[in-house]
Amino acid sequence: MVKEYKDIYASVFLLVVSVIMFIATFSIQKLTVSKIGADFAPKLVAIGIFILSLILLFNTIKQVKNPQAIVVDDEDDDDEKGNQPISKLSVLGTLGLLIGYVALMPLIGFPIMTAIYLFLQMYLLAEKAHRNITLFLIISVVSSGIIYYCFKTIFHLRLPSGILG
């Protein structure tokens, strides 16, 4: 019985947290004359948490009202489904990539370092049978370019351009 309502409690808690977080953003000082200030990202996160919590709440209430629709997720079946435990090498590799990304970004720049980081991270985490270098390159370069463009032109925020000047 408690297990059925666990998601309801979590979603209500997150709804309250998101409302408090949104209200708290009004105390953030605006240091620019731009429409997008330091309070933009926290407000966006609070709204995202609120929306996702509402979705979780509605889905859980629907499942509680209709118990036949509940899908049982048994964690013991992970090995049968082909999921493998997380290797220490991938965790250490990810940590090394993050440290390298942060350390080299001021020198090399956001667009290049983000593309390199995304490519290496996808390559590291993909199974050997599913490593598609061409796809990884396209995704990393396009994602990096879109993110850089959005921050530069839409949000009017400066990111380290590095060697691109």
N, C-alpha and C. Protein backbone atom coordinates (compact mmCIF):
# COMPACT_ATOMS: atom_id res chain seq x y z
N MET A 1 0.81 -1.19 0.00
CA MET A 1 0.00 0.00 0.00
C MET A 1 0.86 1.26 0.00
N VAL A 2 1.90 1.26 0.82
CA VAL A 2 2.79 2.42 0.88
C VAL A 2 3.53 2.58 -0.44
N LYS A 3 3.88 1.46 -1.09
CA LYS A 3 4.62 1.51 -2.34
C LYS A 3 3.80 2.21 -3.44
N GLU A 4 2.48 2.04 -3.41
CA GLU A 4 1.62 2.67 -4.41
C GLU A 4 1.66 4.19 -4.30
N TYR A 5 1.75 4.68 -3.07
CA TYR A 5 1.68 6.11 -2.84
C TYR A 5 3.05 6.79 -2.78
N LYS A 6 4.11 6.03 -2.94
CA LYS A 6 5.46 6.59 -2.87
C LYS A 6 5.66 7.68 -3.92
N ASP A 7 5.21 7.46 -5.15
CA ASP A 7 5.36 8.45 -6.21
C ASP A 7 4.47 9.66 -5.98
N ILE A 8 3.33 9.47 -5.33
CA ILE A 8 2.47 10.60 -5.02
C ILE A 8 3.16 11.52 -4.02
N TYR A 9 3.73 10.92 -2.98
CA TYR A 9 4.45 11.72 -1.98
C TYR A 9 5.63 12.46 -2.62
N ALA A 10 6.37 11.76 -3.47
CA ALA A 10 7.53 12.38 -4.12
C ALA A 10 7.10 13.52 -5.03
N SER A 11 6.04 13.32 -5.80
CA SER A 11 5.61 14.37 -6.72
C SER A 11 5.07 15.59 -5.97
N VAL A 12 4.32 15.37 -4.89
CA VAL A 12 3.83 16.50 -4.10
C VAL A 12 4.99 17.25 -3.47
N PHE A 13 5.98 16.51 -2.95
CA PHE A 13 7.16 17.14 -2.38
C PHE A 13 7.87 18.00 -3.42
N LEU A 14 8.06 17.45 -4.62
CA LEU A 14 8.74 18.20 -5.68
C LEU A 14 7.91 19.39 -6.17
N LEU A 15 6.60 19.28 -6.15
CA LEU A 15 5.76 20.42 -6.49
C LEU A 15 5.99 21.56 -5.50
N VAL A 16 6.03 21.23 -4.22
CA VAL A 16 6.26 22.25 -3.19
C VAL A 16 7.66 22.86 -3.36
N VAL A 17 8.66 22.01 -3.59
CA VAL A 17 10.03 22.50 -3.78
C VAL A 17 10.10 23.42 -4.99
N SER A 18 9.43 23.06 -6.08
CA SER A 18 9.50 23.89 -7.28
C SER A 18 8.83 25.24 -7.07
N VAL A 19 7.73 25.27 -6.33
CA VAL A 19 7.05 26.54 -6.06
C VAL A 19 7.94 27.42 -5.18
N ILE A 20 8.54 26.83 -4.14
CA ILE A 20 9.45 27.58 -3.27
C ILE A 20 10.65 28.09 -4.06
N MET A 21 11.16 27.24 -4.93
CA MET A 21 12.31 27.63 -5.74
C MET A 21 11.95 28.79 -6.68
N PHE A 22 10.77 28.71 -7.28
CA PHE A 22 10.34 29.77 -8.19
C PHE A 22 10.16 31.09 -7.44
N ILE A 23 9.56 31.03 -6.27
CA ILE A 23 9.37 32.24 -5.47
C ILE A 23 10.73 32.81 -5.05
N ALA A 24 11.67 31.94 -4.72
CA ALA A 24 13.00 32.39 -4.29
C ALA A 24 13.76 33.10 -5.41
N THR A 25 13.43 32.81 -6.66
CA THR A 25 14.15 33.46 -7.77
C THR A 25 13.86 34.95 -7.85
N PHE A 26 12.77 35.40 -7.26
CA PHE A 26 12.46 36.83 -7.30
C PHE A 26 13.40 37.65 -6.41
N SER A 27 14.14 36.97 -5.54
CA SER A 27 15.10 37.69 -4.70
C SER A 27 16.48 37.78 -5.34
N ILE A 28 16.65 37.19 -6.51
CA ILE A 28 17.93 37.27 -7.22
C ILE A 28 18.05 38.63 -7.88
N GLN A 29 19.15 39.31 -7.62
CA GLN A 29 19.35 40.65 -8.18
C GLN A 29 19.65 40.57 -9.67
N LYS A 30 19.06 41.49 -10.40
CA LYS A 30 19.35 41.60 -11.83
C LYS A 30 20.48 42.60 -11.99
N LEU A 31 21.57 42.13 -12.55
CA LEU A 31 22.74 43.00 -12.73
C LEU A 31 22.88 43.48 -14.16
N THR A 32 21.92 43.11 -15.02
CA THR A 32 21.98 43.54 -16.41
C THR A 32 20.67 44.22 -16.79
N VAL A 33 20.70 44.92 -17.89
CA VAL A 33 19.49 45.53 -18.40
C VAL A 33 18.80 44.60 -19.40
N SER A 34 19.43 43.48 -19.66
CA SER A 34 18.89 42.48 -20.58
C SER A 34 17.62 41.87 -20.00
N LYS A 35 16.78 41.34 -20.87
CA LYS A 35 15.56 40.68 -20.43
C LYS A 35 15.87 39.38 -19.70
N ILE A 36 16.98 38.77 -20.06
CA ILE A 36 17.38 37.51 -19.45
C ILE A 36 18.49 37.80 -18.47
N GLY A 37 18.18 37.58 -17.20
CA GLY A 37 19.17 37.85 -16.16
C GLY A 37 19.56 36.57 -15.44
N ALA A 38 20.13 36.75 -14.27
CA ALA A 38 20.61 35.62 -13.49
C ALA A 38 19.47 34.75 -12.97
N ASP A 39 18.25 35.28 -12.97
CA ASP A 39 17.12 34.51 -12.46
C ASP A 39 16.47 33.63 -13.53
N PHE A 40 16.91 33.74 -14.78
CA PHE A 40 16.28 33.01 -15.87
C PHE A 40 16.42 31.49 -15.72
N ALA A 41 17.63 31.00 -15.54
CA ALA A 41 17.85 29.55 -15.46
C ALA A 41 17.17 28.94 -14.24
N PRO A 42 17.27 29.53 -13.05
CA PRO A 42 16.56 28.93 -11.91
C PRO A 42 15.04 28.90 -12.10
N LYS A 43 14.48 29.94 -12.74
CA LYS A 43 13.04 29.92 -13.01
C LYS A 43 12.69 28.81 -14.00
N LEU A 44 13.53 28.65 -15.00
CA LEU A 44 13.31 27.61 -15.99
C LEU A 44 13.36 26.22 -15.35
N VAL A 45 14.32 26.00 -14.47
CA VAL A 45 14.44 24.72 -13.77
C VAL A 45 13.23 24.49 -12.87
N ALA A 46 12.80 25.52 -12.15
CA ALA A 46 11.64 25.39 -11.26
C ALA A 46 10.38 25.04 -12.05
N ILE A 47 10.21 25.68 -13.19
CA ILE A 47 9.04 25.39 -14.04
C ILE A 47 9.13 23.96 -14.57
N GLY A 48 10.32 23.54 -14.97
CA GLY A 48 10.50 22.17 -15.46
C GLY A 48 10.19 21.13 -14.39
N ILE A 49 10.69 21.36 -13.18
CA ILE A 49 10.41 20.44 -12.07
C ILE A 49 8.91 20.41 -11.78
N PHE A 50 8.27 21.56 -11.82
CA PHE A 50 6.83 21.64 -11.56
C PHE A 50 6.04 20.83 -12.59
N ILE A 51 6.36 21.02 -13.86
CA ILE A 51 5.64 20.32 -14.93
C ILE A 51 5.87 18.81 -14.84
N LEU A 52 7.11 18.39 -14.66
CA LEU A 52 7.40 16.96 -14.57
C LEU A 52 6.77 16.33 -13.32
N SER A 53 6.72 17.09 -12.23
CA SER A 53 6.08 16.58 -11.01
C SER A 53 4.58 16.42 -11.20
N LEU A 54 3.97 17.36 -11.92
CA LEU A 54 2.54 17.23 -12.23
C LEU A 54 2.27 15.99 -13.08
N ILE A 55 3.12 15.76 -14.07
CA ILE A 55 2.96 14.58 -14.92
C ILE A 55 3.08 13.31 -14.08
N LEU A 56 4.08 13.26 -13.20
CA LEU A 56 4.25 12.11 -12.33
C LEU A 56 3.05 11.92 -11.42
N LEU A 57 2.53 13.01 -10.87
CA LEU A 57 1.37 12.94 -9.98
C LEU A 57 0.15 12.40 -10.72
N PHE A 58 -0.14 12.93 -11.89
CA PHE A 58 -1.31 12.48 -12.64
C PHE A 58 -1.17 11.02 -13.06
N ASN A 59 0.01 10.62 -13.51
CA ASN A 59 0.20 9.22 -13.91
C ASN A 59 0.07 8.28 -12.73
N THR A 60 0.58 8.67 -11.58
CA THR A 60 0.50 7.82 -10.39
C THR A 60 -0.93 7.70 -9.90
N ILE A 61 -1.66 8.81 -9.90
CA ILE A 61 -3.07 8.76 -9.49
C ILE A 61 -3.86 7.87 -10.43
N LYS A 62 -3.56 7.96 -11.73
CA LYS A 62 -4.23 7.11 -12.71
C LYS A 62 -3.93 5.63 -12.44
N GLN A 63 -2.68 5.32 -12.10
CA GLN A 63 -2.30 3.93 -11.82
C GLN A 63 -2.92 3.43 -10.53
N VAL A 64 -3.05 4.29 -9.52
CA VAL A 64 -3.65 3.87 -8.26
C VAL A 64 -5.14 3.59 -8.45
N LYS A 65 -5.80 4.40 -9.27
CA LYS A 65 -7.22 4.19 -9.54
C LYS A 65 -7.47 2.94 -10.38
N ASN A 66 -6.50 2.62 -11.25
CA ASN A 66 -6.64 1.45 -12.12
C ASN A 66 -5.45 0.53 -11.89
N PRO A 67 -5.51 -0.33 -10.87
CA PRO A 67 -4.34 -1.15 -10.51
C PRO A 67 -3.91 -2.14 -11.59
N GLN A 68 -4.79 -2.48 -12.52
CA GLN A 68 -4.40 -3.41 -13.59
C GLN A 68 -3.40 -2.79 -14.55
N ALA A 69 -3.37 -1.46 -14.60
CA ALA A 69 -2.47 -0.75 -15.51
C ALA A 69 -1.08 -0.59 -14.95
N ILE A 70 -0.88 -0.97 -13.68
CA ILE A 70 0.43 -0.80 -13.05
C ILE A 70 1.39 -1.82 -13.62
N VAL A 71 2.51 -1.33 -14.10
CA VAL A 71 3.56 -2.19 -14.61
C VAL A 71 4.54 -2.45 -13.49
N VAL A 72 4.76 -3.70 -13.17
CA VAL A 72 5.68 -4.05 -12.09
C VAL A 72 7.09 -4.01 -12.63
N ASP A 73 7.94 -3.20 -12.01
CA ASP A 73 9.33 -3.08 -12.41
C ASP A 73 10.18 -3.75 -11.35
N ASP A 74 10.63 -4.95 -11.64
CA ASP A 74 11.41 -5.71 -10.68
C ASP A 74 12.88 -5.50 -10.98
N GLU A 75 13.60 -4.97 -10.00
CA GLU A 75 15.01 -4.66 -10.20
C GLU A 75 15.86 -5.92 -10.35
N ASP A 76 15.35 -7.07 -9.93
CA ASP A 76 16.11 -8.31 -10.04
C ASP A 76 16.19 -8.80 -11.47
N ASP A 77 15.34 -8.28 -12.35
CA ASP A 77 15.32 -8.72 -13.74
C ASP A 77 16.34 -7.99 -14.60
N ASP A 78 17.14 -7.08 -14.02
CA ASP A 78 18.10 -6.30 -14.80
C ASP A 78 19.07 -7.19 -15.57
N ASP A 79 19.59 -8.23 -14.92
CA ASP A 79 20.55 -9.09 -15.59
C ASP A 79 19.90 -9.89 -16.71
N GLU A 80 18.64 -10.25 -16.55
CA GLU A 80 17.95 -11.00 -17.59
C GLU A 80 17.67 -10.13 -18.81
N LYS A 81 17.48 -8.85 -18.63
CA LYS A 81 17.19 -7.94 -19.73
C LYS A 81 18.44 -7.53 -20.49
N GLY A 82 19.61 -7.89 -20.01
CA GLY A 82 20.84 -7.55 -20.69
C GLY A 82 21.53 -6.33 -20.12
N ASN A 83 20.96 -5.73 -19.09
CA ASN A 83 21.61 -4.58 -18.48
C ASN A 83 22.82 -5.05 -17.70
N GLN A 84 23.92 -4.38 -17.92
CA GLN A 84 25.15 -4.76 -17.24
C GLN A 84 25.44 -3.75 -16.14
N PRO A 85 26.11 -4.19 -15.09
CA PRO A 85 26.46 -3.23 -14.05
C PRO A 85 27.44 -2.19 -14.58
N ILE A 86 27.45 -1.04 -13.93
CA ILE A 86 28.32 0.06 -14.34
C ILE A 86 29.76 -0.31 -14.03
N SER A 87 30.61 -0.19 -15.03
CA SER A 87 32.01 -0.54 -14.81
C SER A 87 32.75 0.64 -14.17
N LYS A 88 33.75 0.31 -13.39
CA LYS A 88 34.55 1.35 -12.74
C LYS A 88 35.32 2.16 -13.78
N LEU A 89 35.68 1.51 -14.88
CA LEU A 89 36.42 2.20 -15.94
C LEU A 89 35.57 3.32 -16.56
N SER A 90 34.29 3.06 -16.78
CA SER A 90 33.45 4.11 -17.38
C SER A 90 33.22 5.26 -16.40
N VAL A 91 33.13 4.96 -15.11
CA VAL A 91 32.96 6.02 -14.12
C VAL A 91 34.23 6.87 -14.04
N LEU A 92 35.38 6.22 -13.97
CA LEU A 92 36.64 6.96 -13.92
C LEU A 92 36.89 7.71 -15.22
N GLY A 93 36.52 7.11 -16.35
CA GLY A 93 36.67 7.78 -17.63
C GLY A 93 35.80 9.02 -17.72
N THR A 94 34.57 8.92 -17.24
CA THR A 94 33.67 10.07 -17.24
C THR A 94 34.21 11.17 -16.34
N LEU A 95 34.70 10.80 -15.18
CA LEU A 95 35.28 11.79 -14.27
C LEU A 95 36.48 12.48 -14.91
N GLY A 96 37.35 11.71 -15.56
CA GLY A 96 38.51 12.28 -16.25
C GLY A 96 38.09 13.20 -17.39
N LEU A 97 37.06 12.79 -18.15
CA LEU A 97 36.59 13.63 -19.24
C LEU A 97 36.02 14.95 -18.72
N LEU A 98 35.27 14.90 -17.62
CA LEU A 98 34.72 16.13 -17.06
C LEU A 98 35.80 17.07 -16.56
N ILE A 99 36.80 16.52 -15.89
CA ILE A 99 37.91 17.35 -15.40
C ILE A 99 38.67 17.97 -16.57
N GLY A 100 38.93 17.17 -17.60
CA GLY A 100 39.61 17.69 -18.78
C GLY A 100 38.79 18.74 -19.50
N TYR A 101 37.49 18.52 -19.57
CA TYR A 101 36.59 19.47 -20.22
C TYR A 101 36.63 20.84 -19.53
N VAL A 102 36.51 20.82 -18.22
CA VAL A 102 36.52 22.07 -17.46
C VAL A 102 37.89 22.74 -17.52
N ALA A 103 38.95 21.94 -17.44
CA ALA A 103 40.30 22.51 -17.42
C ALA A 103 40.70 23.11 -18.77
N LEU A 104 40.28 22.48 -19.86
CA LEU A 104 40.71 22.93 -21.19
C LEU A 104 39.76 23.93 -21.85
N MET A 105 38.57 24.10 -21.30
CA MET A 105 37.61 24.99 -21.95
C MET A 105 38.11 26.43 -22.09
N PRO A 106 38.74 27.04 -21.08
CA PRO A 106 39.21 28.42 -21.28
C PRO A 106 40.27 28.52 -22.38
N LEU A 107 41.06 27.49 -22.57
CA LEU A 107 42.11 27.52 -23.58
C LEU A 107 41.58 27.22 -24.98
N ILE A 108 40.85 26.15 -25.10
CA ILE A 108 40.40 25.70 -26.43
C ILE A 108 39.07 26.33 -26.82
N GLY A 109 38.20 26.56 -25.85
CA GLY A 109 36.92 27.20 -26.13
C GLY A 109 35.75 26.25 -26.00
N PHE A 110 34.57 26.84 -25.79
CA PHE A 110 33.37 26.06 -25.57
C PHE A 110 32.98 25.19 -26.76
N PRO A 111 32.89 25.75 -27.97
CA PRO A 111 32.39 24.93 -29.09
C PRO A 111 33.24 23.69 -29.36
N ILE A 112 34.54 23.86 -29.42
CA ILE A 112 35.42 22.73 -29.73
C ILE A 112 35.45 21.73 -28.58
N MET A 113 35.61 22.23 -27.35
CA MET A 113 35.70 21.33 -26.19
C MET A 113 34.39 20.57 -25.97
N THR A 114 33.27 21.22 -26.20
CA THR A 114 31.99 20.54 -26.02
C THR A 114 31.83 19.44 -27.05
N ALA A 115 32.20 19.70 -28.29
CA ALA A 115 32.11 18.67 -29.33
C ALA A 115 33.03 17.50 -29.00
N ILE A 116 34.25 17.79 -28.57
CA ILE A 116 35.19 16.73 -28.20
C ILE A 116 34.67 15.94 -27.01
N TYR A 117 34.20 16.65 -25.98
CA TYR A 117 33.70 15.98 -24.78
C TYR A 117 32.50 15.07 -25.11
N LEU A 118 31.54 15.60 -25.86
CA LEU A 118 30.36 14.80 -26.18
C LEU A 118 30.73 13.56 -26.97
N PHE A 119 31.63 13.72 -27.96
CA PHE A 119 32.05 12.57 -28.75
C PHE A 119 32.71 11.51 -27.87
N LEU A 120 33.67 11.93 -27.06
CA LEU A 120 34.39 10.97 -26.21
C LEU A 120 33.46 10.33 -25.18
N GLN A 121 32.52 11.09 -24.64
CA GLN A 121 31.60 10.54 -23.65
C GLN A 121 30.68 9.51 -24.30
N MET A 122 30.17 9.80 -25.47
CA MET A 122 29.32 8.82 -26.17
C MET A 122 30.12 7.57 -26.52
N TYR A 123 31.35 7.76 -26.98
CA TYR A 123 32.19 6.62 -27.34
C TYR A 123 32.49 5.76 -26.11
N LEU A 124 32.76 6.41 -24.99
CA LEU A 124 33.09 5.69 -23.76
C LEU A 124 31.90 4.89 -23.24
N LEU A 125 30.72 5.45 -23.28
CA LEU A 125 29.56 4.81 -22.69
C LEU A 125 28.84 3.84 -23.61
N ALA A 126 29.09 3.92 -24.90
CA ALA A 126 28.41 3.02 -25.84
C ALA A 126 29.05 1.63 -25.78
N GLU A 127 28.21 0.63 -25.97
CA GLU A 127 28.73 -0.73 -26.07
C GLU A 127 29.53 -0.85 -27.36
N LYS A 128 30.49 -1.74 -27.36
CA LYS A 128 31.37 -1.86 -28.54
C LYS A 128 30.58 -2.17 -29.79
N ALA A 129 29.52 -2.93 -29.67
CA ALA A 129 28.72 -3.29 -30.84
C ALA A 129 27.91 -2.11 -31.38
N HIS A 130 27.68 -1.11 -30.54
CA HIS A 130 26.86 0.03 -30.95
C HIS A 130 27.65 1.32 -31.15
N ARG A 131 28.93 1.25 -31.25
CA ARG A 131 29.74 2.45 -31.45
C ARG A 131 29.69 2.86 -32.91
N ASN A 132 29.10 4.00 -33.16
CA ASN A 132 28.97 4.53 -34.51
C ASN A 132 29.67 5.88 -34.54
N ILE A 133 30.92 5.89 -34.96
CA ILE A 133 31.75 7.08 -34.90
C ILE A 133 31.16 8.22 -35.72
N THR A 134 30.64 7.94 -36.89
CA THR A 134 30.07 8.99 -37.74
C THR A 134 28.87 9.65 -37.04
N LEU A 135 27.99 8.84 -36.49
CA LEU A 135 26.83 9.37 -35.78
C LEU A 135 27.25 10.19 -34.56
N PHE A 136 28.22 9.68 -33.81
CA PHE A 136 28.71 10.39 -32.63
C PHE A 136 29.31 11.74 -33.02
N LEU A 137 30.06 11.79 -34.11
CA LEU A 137 30.64 13.05 -34.57
C LEU A 137 29.57 14.06 -34.97
N ILE A 138 28.59 13.59 -35.72
CA ILE A 138 27.52 14.48 -36.17
C ILE A 138 26.75 15.03 -34.97
N ILE A 139 26.37 14.16 -34.05
CA ILE A 139 25.60 14.59 -32.88
C ILE A 139 26.40 15.58 -32.05
N SER A 140 27.67 15.29 -31.81
CA SER A 140 28.47 16.17 -30.95
C SER A 140 28.72 17.53 -31.59
N VAL A 141 29.02 17.57 -32.87
CA VAL A 141 29.29 18.85 -33.53
C VAL A 141 28.01 19.68 -33.66
N VAL A 142 26.92 19.05 -34.06
CA VAL A 142 25.66 19.77 -34.22
C VAL A 142 25.16 20.27 -32.86
N SER A 143 25.21 19.43 -31.84
CA SER A 143 24.76 19.84 -30.50
C SER A 143 25.59 21.00 -29.98
N SER A 144 26.89 20.90 -30.12
CA SER A 144 27.77 21.96 -29.65
C SER A 144 27.47 23.26 -30.38
N GLY A 145 27.28 23.20 -31.67
CA GLY A 145 26.98 24.39 -32.46
C GLY A 145 25.65 25.02 -32.07
N ILE A 146 24.63 24.21 -31.88
CA ILE A 146 23.31 24.72 -31.51
C ILE A 146 23.36 25.37 -30.13
N ILE A 147 24.01 24.71 -29.18
CA ILE A 147 24.11 25.26 -27.83
C ILE A 147 24.86 26.59 -27.85
N TYR A 148 25.98 26.64 -28.56
CA TYR A 148 26.78 27.86 -28.64
C TYR A 148 25.97 28.98 -29.29
N TYR A 149 25.27 28.67 -30.37
CA TYR A 149 24.45 29.66 -31.07
C TYR A 149 23.36 30.21 -30.15
N CYS A 150 22.66 29.31 -29.43
CA CYS A 150 21.59 29.74 -28.52
C CYS A 150 22.11 30.65 -27.43
N PHE A 151 23.21 30.27 -26.81
CA PHE A 151 23.75 31.09 -25.74
C PHE A 151 24.23 32.44 -26.25
N LYS A 152 24.82 32.44 -27.44
CA LYS A 152 25.40 33.68 -27.97
C LYS A 152 24.33 34.63 -28.51
N THR A 153 23.39 34.12 -29.30
CA THR A 153 22.44 35.01 -29.97
C THR A 153 21.11 35.16 -29.25
N ILE A 154 20.62 34.11 -28.63
CA ILE A 154 19.31 34.19 -27.98
C ILE A 154 19.43 34.70 -26.55
N PHE A 155 20.34 34.10 -25.78
CA PHE A 155 20.50 34.48 -24.38
C PHE A 155 21.48 35.63 -24.18
N HIS A 156 22.24 35.98 -25.21
CA HIS A 156 23.23 37.03 -25.16
C HIS A 156 24.23 36.82 -24.03
N LEU A 157 24.68 35.59 -23.90
CA LEU A 157 25.68 35.24 -22.90
C LEU A 157 26.97 34.85 -23.60
N ARG A 158 28.07 35.23 -23.01
CA ARG A 158 29.37 34.94 -23.61
C ARG A 158 29.90 33.63 -23.05
N LEU A 159 30.33 32.77 -23.94
CA LEU A 159 30.98 31.52 -23.56
C LEU A 159 32.42 31.60 -24.03
N PRO A 160 33.32 30.89 -23.37
CA PRO A 160 34.72 30.94 -23.81
C PRO A 160 34.86 30.48 -25.26
N SER A 161 35.40 31.36 -26.10
CA SER A 161 35.56 31.00 -27.51
C SER A 161 36.94 30.40 -27.76
N GLY A 162 37.87 30.58 -26.86
CA GLY A 162 39.19 29.95 -26.95
C GLY A 162 39.95 30.30 -28.20
N ILE A 163 40.44 29.27 -28.90
CA ILE A 163 41.28 29.49 -30.06
C ILE A 163 40.51 30.02 -31.26
N LEU A 164 39.17 29.97 -31.20
CA LEU A 164 38.36 30.51 -32.28
C LEU A 164 38.29 32.03 -32.23
N GLY A 165 38.71 32.59 -31.10
CA GLY A 165 38.84 34.03 -30.96
C GLY A 165 37.59 34.72 -30.65
